[in-house]
Amino acid sequence: MTPAGTEPPPRAPLVARCRRRLRSLAALSKTRYWLLTRALWVALAFIVVFVIDGVLIGWSTAYEVLIGIKSPAEAGSALVTWLVSIVGWLAIPAFVGGTVGYLVTRQIEDRRRRSAAEVVEDLRRRARANRRPGSRR
């Protein structure tokens, strides 16, 4: 809300807003940055290939080719059908495996940042806090 008689400043041009949005991506965590800048394009490419194949040979047949129930040779001779088959058998498992591997590695690295002495001291502090009243240990 602005005071009476004043107007809000003009809105920034679209190019400036887009530039600001792209520059702000660097402030994200590595995982979120990768998901927005790399993984999004891979997922979009897969979706485009699947939609094209779904339109050409039918959605249920495209799904069956994707997960390997039906051979691409049985489904049709379209090049896109073979591409969907390859994506289903190679690209999707590699993409999911790489993503999960990266996330697990990040979790392990976060745990290793503390020295062994810090971990032992933290465990002792927690043990003292959880002790029952009147116990000798």
C-alpha atoms as a PDB file:
ATOM      1  CA  MET A   1       0.000   0.000   0.000  1.00  0.00           C
ATOM      2  CA  THR A   2       1.399   3.379  -0.956  1.00  0.00           C
ATOM      3  CA  PRO A   3       0.771   6.701   0.760  1.00  0.00           C
ATOM      4  CA  ALA A   4      -1.858   8.935  -0.787  1.00  0.00           C
ATOM      5  CA  GLY A   5      -0.654  10.847  -3.813  1.00  0.00           C
ATOM      6  CA  THR A   6       2.319   8.567  -4.616  1.00  0.00           C
ATOM      7  CA  GLU A   7       2.520   5.839  -7.174  1.00  0.00           C
ATOM      8  CA  PRO A   8       4.511   2.630  -6.925  1.00  0.00           C
ATOM      9  CA  PRO A   9       7.697   2.466  -8.993  1.00  0.00           C
ATOM     10  CA  PRO A  10       7.306   1.093 -12.522  1.00  0.00           C
ATOM     11  CA  ARG A  11       7.714  -2.631 -12.950  1.00  0.00           C
ATOM     12  CA  ALA A  12      11.057  -3.841 -14.279  1.00  0.00           C
ATOM     13  CA  PRO A  13      11.095  -4.906 -17.950  1.00  0.00           C
ATOM     14  CA  LEU A  14      10.649  -8.593 -18.746  1.00  0.00           C
ATOM     15  CA  VAL A  15      14.269  -9.005 -19.834  1.00  0.00           C
ATOM     16  CA  ALA A  16      15.544  -7.592 -16.530  1.00  0.00           C
ATOM     17  CA  ARG A  17      13.222  -9.848 -14.518  1.00  0.00           C
ATOM     18  CA  CYS A  18      14.349 -12.944 -16.465  1.00  0.00           C
ATOM     19  CA  ARG A  19      18.007 -11.996 -16.040  1.00  0.00           C
ATOM     20  CA  ARG A  20      17.487 -11.525 -12.288  1.00  0.00           C
ATOM     21  CA  ARG A  21      15.736 -14.898 -12.048  1.00  0.00           C
ATOM     22  CA  LEU A  22      18.583 -16.702 -13.865  1.00  0.00           C
ATOM     23  CA  ARG A  23      21.232 -15.047 -11.736  1.00  0.00           C
ATOM     24  CA  SER A  24      19.406 -16.008  -8.553  1.00  0.00           C
ATOM     25  CA  LEU A  25      19.691 -19.718  -9.438  1.00  0.00           C
ATOM     26  CA  ALA A  26      23.296 -19.670  -8.237  1.00  0.00           C
ATOM     27  CA  ALA A  27      22.058 -19.073  -4.690  1.00  0.00           C
ATOM     28  CA  LEU A  28      20.277 -22.444  -4.630  1.00  0.00           C
ATOM     29  CA  SER A  29      21.802 -25.594  -3.174  1.00  0.00           C
ATOM     30  CA  LYS A  30      23.734 -27.781  -5.611  1.00  0.00           C
ATOM     31  CA  THR A  31      20.937 -30.335  -5.737  1.00  0.00           C
ATOM     32  CA  ARG A  32      18.204 -27.830  -6.503  1.00  0.00           C
ATOM     33  CA  TYR A  33      20.410 -26.047  -9.021  1.00  0.00           C
ATOM     34  CA  TRP A  34      21.112 -29.324 -10.834  1.00  0.00           C
ATOM     35  CA  LEU A  35      17.442 -30.321 -10.803  1.00  0.00           C
ATOM     36  CA  LEU A  36      16.360 -26.987 -12.283  1.00  0.00           C
ATOM     37  CA  THR A  37      19.134 -26.522 -14.828  1.00  0.00           C
ATOM     38  CA  ARG A  38      20.047 -30.036 -15.998  1.00  0.00           C
ATOM     39  CA  ALA A  39      17.478 -32.613 -14.915  1.00  0.00           C
ATOM     40  CA  LEU A  40      14.546 -30.536 -16.081  1.00  0.00           C
ATOM     41  CA  TRP A  41      15.798 -30.570 -19.683  1.00  0.00           C
ATOM     42  CA  VAL A  42      16.395 -34.320 -19.634  1.00  0.00           C
ATOM     43  CA  ALA A  43      12.886 -34.930 -18.291  1.00  0.00           C
ATOM     44  CA  LEU A  44      11.363 -32.596 -20.886  1.00  0.00           C
ATOM     45  CA  ALA A  45      13.217 -34.364 -23.713  1.00  0.00           C
ATOM     46  CA  PHE A  46      11.924 -37.721 -22.496  1.00  0.00           C
ATOM     47  CA  ILE A  47       8.364 -36.385 -22.244  1.00  0.00           C
ATOM     48  CA  VAL A  48       8.524 -34.987 -25.779  1.00  0.00           C
ATOM     49  CA  VAL A  49       9.745 -38.320 -27.198  1.00  0.00           C
ATOM     50  CA  PHE A  50       7.070 -40.240 -25.284  1.00  0.00           C
ATOM     51  CA  VAL A  51       4.284 -37.882 -26.398  1.00  0.00           C
ATOM     52  CA  ILE A  52       5.352 -38.124 -30.053  1.00  0.00           C
ATOM     53  CA  ASP A  53       5.423 -41.911 -29.819  1.00  0.00           C
ATOM     54  CA  GLY A  54       2.098 -41.960 -27.985  1.00  0.00           C
ATOM     55  CA  VAL A  55       0.480 -39.947 -30.755  1.00  0.00           C
ATOM     56  CA  LEU A  56       2.017 -42.157 -33.487  1.00  0.00           C
ATOM     57  CA  ILE A  57       1.401 -45.662 -32.127  1.00  0.00           C
ATOM     58  CA  GLY A  58      -1.033 -45.171 -29.236  1.00  0.00           C
ATOM     59  CA  TRP A  59      -0.523 -44.429 -25.565  1.00  0.00           C
ATOM     60  CA  SER A  60      -0.829 -47.954 -24.192  1.00  0.00           C
ATOM     61  CA  THR A  61       1.520 -49.355 -26.829  1.00  0.00           C
ATOM     62  CA  ALA A  62       4.037 -46.572 -26.182  1.00  0.00           C
ATOM     63  CA  TYR A  63       3.924 -47.363 -22.463  1.00  0.00           C
ATOM     64  CA  GLU A  64       4.388 -51.092 -23.105  1.00  0.00           C
ATOM     65  CA  VAL A  65       7.403 -50.354 -25.314  1.00  0.00           C
ATOM     66  CA  LEU A  66       8.817 -47.977 -22.696  1.00  0.00           C
ATOM     67  CA  ILE A  67       8.775 -50.519 -19.881  1.00  0.00           C
ATOM     68  CA  GLY A  68       9.768 -53.432 -22.116  1.00  0.00           C
ATOM     69  CA  ILE A  69       6.563 -55.472 -22.282  1.00  0.00           C
ATOM     70  CA  LYS A  70       6.387 -55.132 -26.045  1.00  0.00           C
ATOM     71  CA  SER A  71       9.212 -55.054 -28.565  1.00  0.00           C
ATOM     72  CA  PRO A  72       9.533 -51.907 -30.666  1.00  0.00           C
ATOM     73  CA  ALA A  73       9.571 -54.135 -33.761  1.00  0.00           C
ATOM     74  CA  GLU A  74       6.107 -55.458 -32.819  1.00  0.00           C
ATOM     75  CA  ALA A  75       4.742 -52.007 -32.018  1.00  0.00           C
ATOM     76  CA  GLY A  76       5.617 -50.329 -35.265  1.00  0.00           C
ATOM     77  CA  SER A  77       8.530 -49.391 -37.413  1.00  0.00           C
ATOM     78  CA  ALA A  78       8.715 -45.747 -36.391  1.00  0.00           C
ATOM     79  CA  LEU A  79      12.154 -44.547 -35.359  1.00  0.00           C
ATOM     80  CA  VAL A  80      10.585 -42.853 -32.354  1.00  0.00           C
ATOM     81  CA  THR A  81       9.388 -46.237 -31.074  1.00  0.00           C
ATOM     82  CA  TRP A  82      12.965 -47.503 -31.019  1.00  0.00           C
ATOM     83  CA  LEU A  83      14.041 -44.297 -29.296  1.00  0.00           C
ATOM     84  CA  VAL A  84      11.377 -44.768 -26.604  1.00  0.00           C
ATOM     85  CA  SER A  85      12.584 -48.334 -26.092  1.00  0.00           C
ATOM     86  CA  ILE A  86      16.187 -47.203 -25.688  1.00  0.00           C
ATOM     87  CA  VAL A  87      15.140 -44.424 -23.323  1.00  0.00           C
ATOM     88  CA  GLY A  88      13.143 -46.916 -21.252  1.00  0.00           C
ATOM     89  CA  TRP A  89      15.985 -49.399 -20.958  1.00  0.00           C
ATOM     90  CA  LEU A  90      19.033 -47.127 -20.748  1.00  0.00           C
ATOM     91  CA  ALA A  91      18.380 -43.456 -20.176  1.00  0.00           C
ATOM     92  CA  ILE A  92      15.757 -43.560 -17.424  1.00  0.00           C
ATOM     93  CA  PRO A  93      17.614 -46.071 -15.204  1.00  0.00           C
ATOM     94  CA  ALA A  94      20.887 -44.181 -15.737  1.00  0.00           C
ATOM     95  CA  PHE A  95      19.236 -40.855 -14.940  1.00  0.00           C
ATOM     96  CA  VAL A  96      17.521 -42.158 -11.800  1.00  0.00           C
ATOM     97  CA  GLY A  97      20.644 -44.014 -10.668  1.00  0.00           C
ATOM     98  CA  GLY A  98      22.831 -40.960 -11.185  1.00  0.00           C
ATOM     99  CA  THR A  99      20.418 -38.727  -9.303  1.00  0.00           C
ATOM    100  CA  VAL A 100      20.100 -41.117  -6.362  1.00  0.00           C
ATOM    101  CA  GLY A 101      23.858 -41.693  -6.302  1.00  0.00           C
ATOM    102  CA  TYR A 102      24.480 -37.960  -6.194  1.00  0.00           C
ATOM    103  CA  LEU A 103      21.964 -37.437  -3.386  1.00  0.00           C
ATOM    104  CA  VAL A 104      23.386 -40.313  -1.309  1.00  0.00           C
ATOM    105  CA  THR A 105      26.906 -38.977  -1.810  1.00  0.00           C
ATOM    106  CA  ARG A 106      25.785 -35.554  -0.594  1.00  0.00           C
ATOM    107  CA  GLN A 107      24.279 -37.095   2.532  1.00  0.00           C
ATOM    108  CA  ILE A 108      27.457 -39.047   3.274  1.00  0.00           C
ATOM    109  CA  GLU A 109      29.609 -35.938   2.779  1.00  0.00           C
ATOM    110  CA  ASP A 110      27.403 -33.983   5.166  1.00  0.00           C
ATOM    111  CA  ARG A 111      27.987 -36.644   7.817  1.00  0.00           C
ATOM    112  CA  ARG A 112      31.755 -36.720   7.295  1.00  0.00           C
ATOM    113  CA  ARG A 113      32.255 -33.016   7.877  1.00  0.00           C
ATOM    114  CA  ARG A 114      32.387 -33.570  11.618  1.00  0.00           C
ATOM    115  CA  SER A 115      35.530 -35.024  13.131  1.00  0.00           C
ATOM    116  CA  ALA A 116      35.429 -38.264  15.105  1.00  0.00           C
ATOM    117  CA  ALA A 117      36.075 -36.373  18.351  1.00  0.00           C
ATOM    118  CA  GLU A 118      33.054 -34.146  17.720  1.00  0.00           C
ATOM    119  CA  VAL A 119      30.863 -37.167  17.035  1.00  0.00           C
ATOM    120  CA  VAL A 120      32.015 -38.969  20.216  1.00  0.00           C
ATOM    121  CA  GLU A 121      31.472 -35.846  22.322  1.00  0.00           C
ATOM    122  CA  ASP A 122      28.012 -35.396  20.842  1.00  0.00           C
ATOM    123  CA  LEU A 123      27.129 -39.026  21.625  1.00  0.00           C
ATOM    124  CA  ARG A 124      28.357 -38.643  25.220  1.00  0.00           C
ATOM    125  CA  ARG A 125      26.343 -35.454  25.652  1.00  0.00           C
ATOM    126  CA  ARG A 126      23.225 -37.179  24.355  1.00  0.00           C
ATOM    127  CA  ALA A 127      23.814 -40.170  26.629  1.00  0.00           C
ATOM    128  CA  ARG A 128      24.122 -37.883  29.675  1.00  0.00           C
ATOM    129  CA  ALA A 129      20.935 -36.081  28.705  1.00  0.00           C
ATOM    130  CA  ASN A 130      19.008 -39.366  28.359  1.00  0.00           C
ATOM    131  CA  ARG A 131      20.233 -40.876  31.645  1.00  0.00           C
ATOM    132  CA  ARG A 132      17.615 -41.766  34.226  1.00  0.00           C
ATOM    133  CA  PRO A 133      17.694 -39.844  37.485  1.00  0.00           C
ATOM    134  CA  GLY A 134      19.471 -41.811  40.226  1.00  0.00           C
ATOM    135  CA  SER A 135      21.448 -44.087  37.908  1.00  0.00           C
ATOM    136  CA  ARG A 136      25.206 -44.326  38.553  1.00  0.00           C
ATOM    137  CA  ARG A 137      26.363 -44.278  34.969  1.00  0.00           C
END
